[in-house]
Amino acid sequence: MGKEKACKNCRMVYEGSSCPNCQSTDSVDGFKGKITVIDPENSEIAKNIGIKGKGVYAVRLK
């Protein structure tokens, strides 16, 4: 299993060579906190940090 990283573009946390959400290869290994978004349309947290899709996202990138 690879190391988790977060996409600099959309903040999605993933393992592998590119982000499954936006296909970006621009990522960081250092991030602080994770949230799991199940219902982005009704999540106040997702709206506040600009998340539009389901998944696991980094709260803060380092």
Protein backbone atom coordinates (compact mmCIF):
# COMPACT_ATOMS: atom_id res chain seq x y z
CA MET A 1 0.00 0.00 0.00
CA GLY A 2 1.33 3.45 -0.92
CA LYS A 3 1.53 6.58 1.14
CA GLU A 4 -1.46 8.91 1.32
CA LYS A 5 -1.12 12.31 -0.29
CA ALA A 6 -3.45 15.22 -0.90
CA CYS A 7 -4.17 16.91 -4.21
CA LYS A 8 -3.12 20.58 -4.30
CA ASN A 9 -5.99 21.27 -6.71
CA CYS A 10 -9.03 19.79 -4.96
CA ARG A 11 -7.64 18.51 -1.59
CA MET A 12 -8.76 14.90 -2.17
CA VAL A 13 -6.69 12.37 -0.22
CA TYR A 14 -5.52 9.45 -2.35
CA GLU A 15 -2.79 6.89 -3.02
CA GLY A 16 -1.31 6.48 -6.47
CA SER A 17 0.14 8.62 -9.22
CA SER A 18 -2.76 11.01 -9.91
CA CYS A 19 -5.86 12.35 -8.19
CA PRO A 20 -8.95 10.26 -8.94
CA ASN A 21 -11.14 13.35 -8.60
CA CYS A 22 -9.43 15.88 -10.92
CA GLN A 23 -6.61 13.81 -12.47
CA SER A 24 -3.97 16.30 -11.26
CA THR A 25 -0.49 15.00 -10.43
CA ASP A 26 0.29 18.04 -8.26
CA SER A 27 0.15 16.75 -4.68
CA VAL A 28 1.64 17.10 -1.19
CA ASP A 29 2.61 14.42 1.32
CA GLY A 30 1.99 16.75 4.25
CA PHE A 31 -1.54 17.60 5.24
CA LYS A 32 -3.40 18.13 8.47
CA GLY A 33 -6.73 16.50 9.24
CA LYS A 34 -9.10 14.57 7.02
CA ILE A 35 -12.83 14.75 6.52
CA THR A 36 -15.08 12.27 4.76
CA VAL A 37 -17.80 13.90 2.70
CA ILE A 38 -20.80 11.66 2.04
CA ASP A 39 -23.43 14.23 1.01
CA PRO A 40 -21.66 17.33 -0.34
CA GLU A 41 -24.91 19.11 -1.29
CA ASN A 42 -26.12 19.15 2.32
CA SER A 43 -22.78 19.41 4.17
CA GLU A 44 -22.02 22.83 5.62
CA ILE A 45 -18.35 21.90 6.05
CA ALA A 46 -18.06 20.85 2.40
CA LYS A 47 -19.68 24.11 1.31
CA ASN A 48 -17.35 26.18 3.54
CA ILE A 49 -14.17 24.68 2.08
CA GLY A 50 -15.46 24.35 -1.48
CA ILE A 51 -15.88 20.57 -1.84
CA LYS A 52 -18.39 19.47 -4.46
CA GLY A 53 -17.93 15.68 -4.57
CA LYS A 54 -17.98 12.66 -2.26
CA GLY A 55 -14.70 11.39 -0.84
CA VAL A 56 -11.97 11.91 1.73
CA TYR A 57 -10.39 15.37 1.74
CA ALA A 58 -7.52 17.08 3.57
CA VAL A 59 -8.54 19.93 5.85
CA ARG A 60 -5.22 21.82 5.57
CA LEU A 61 -2.31 21.33 3.20
CA LYS A 62 1.26 21.88 4.41
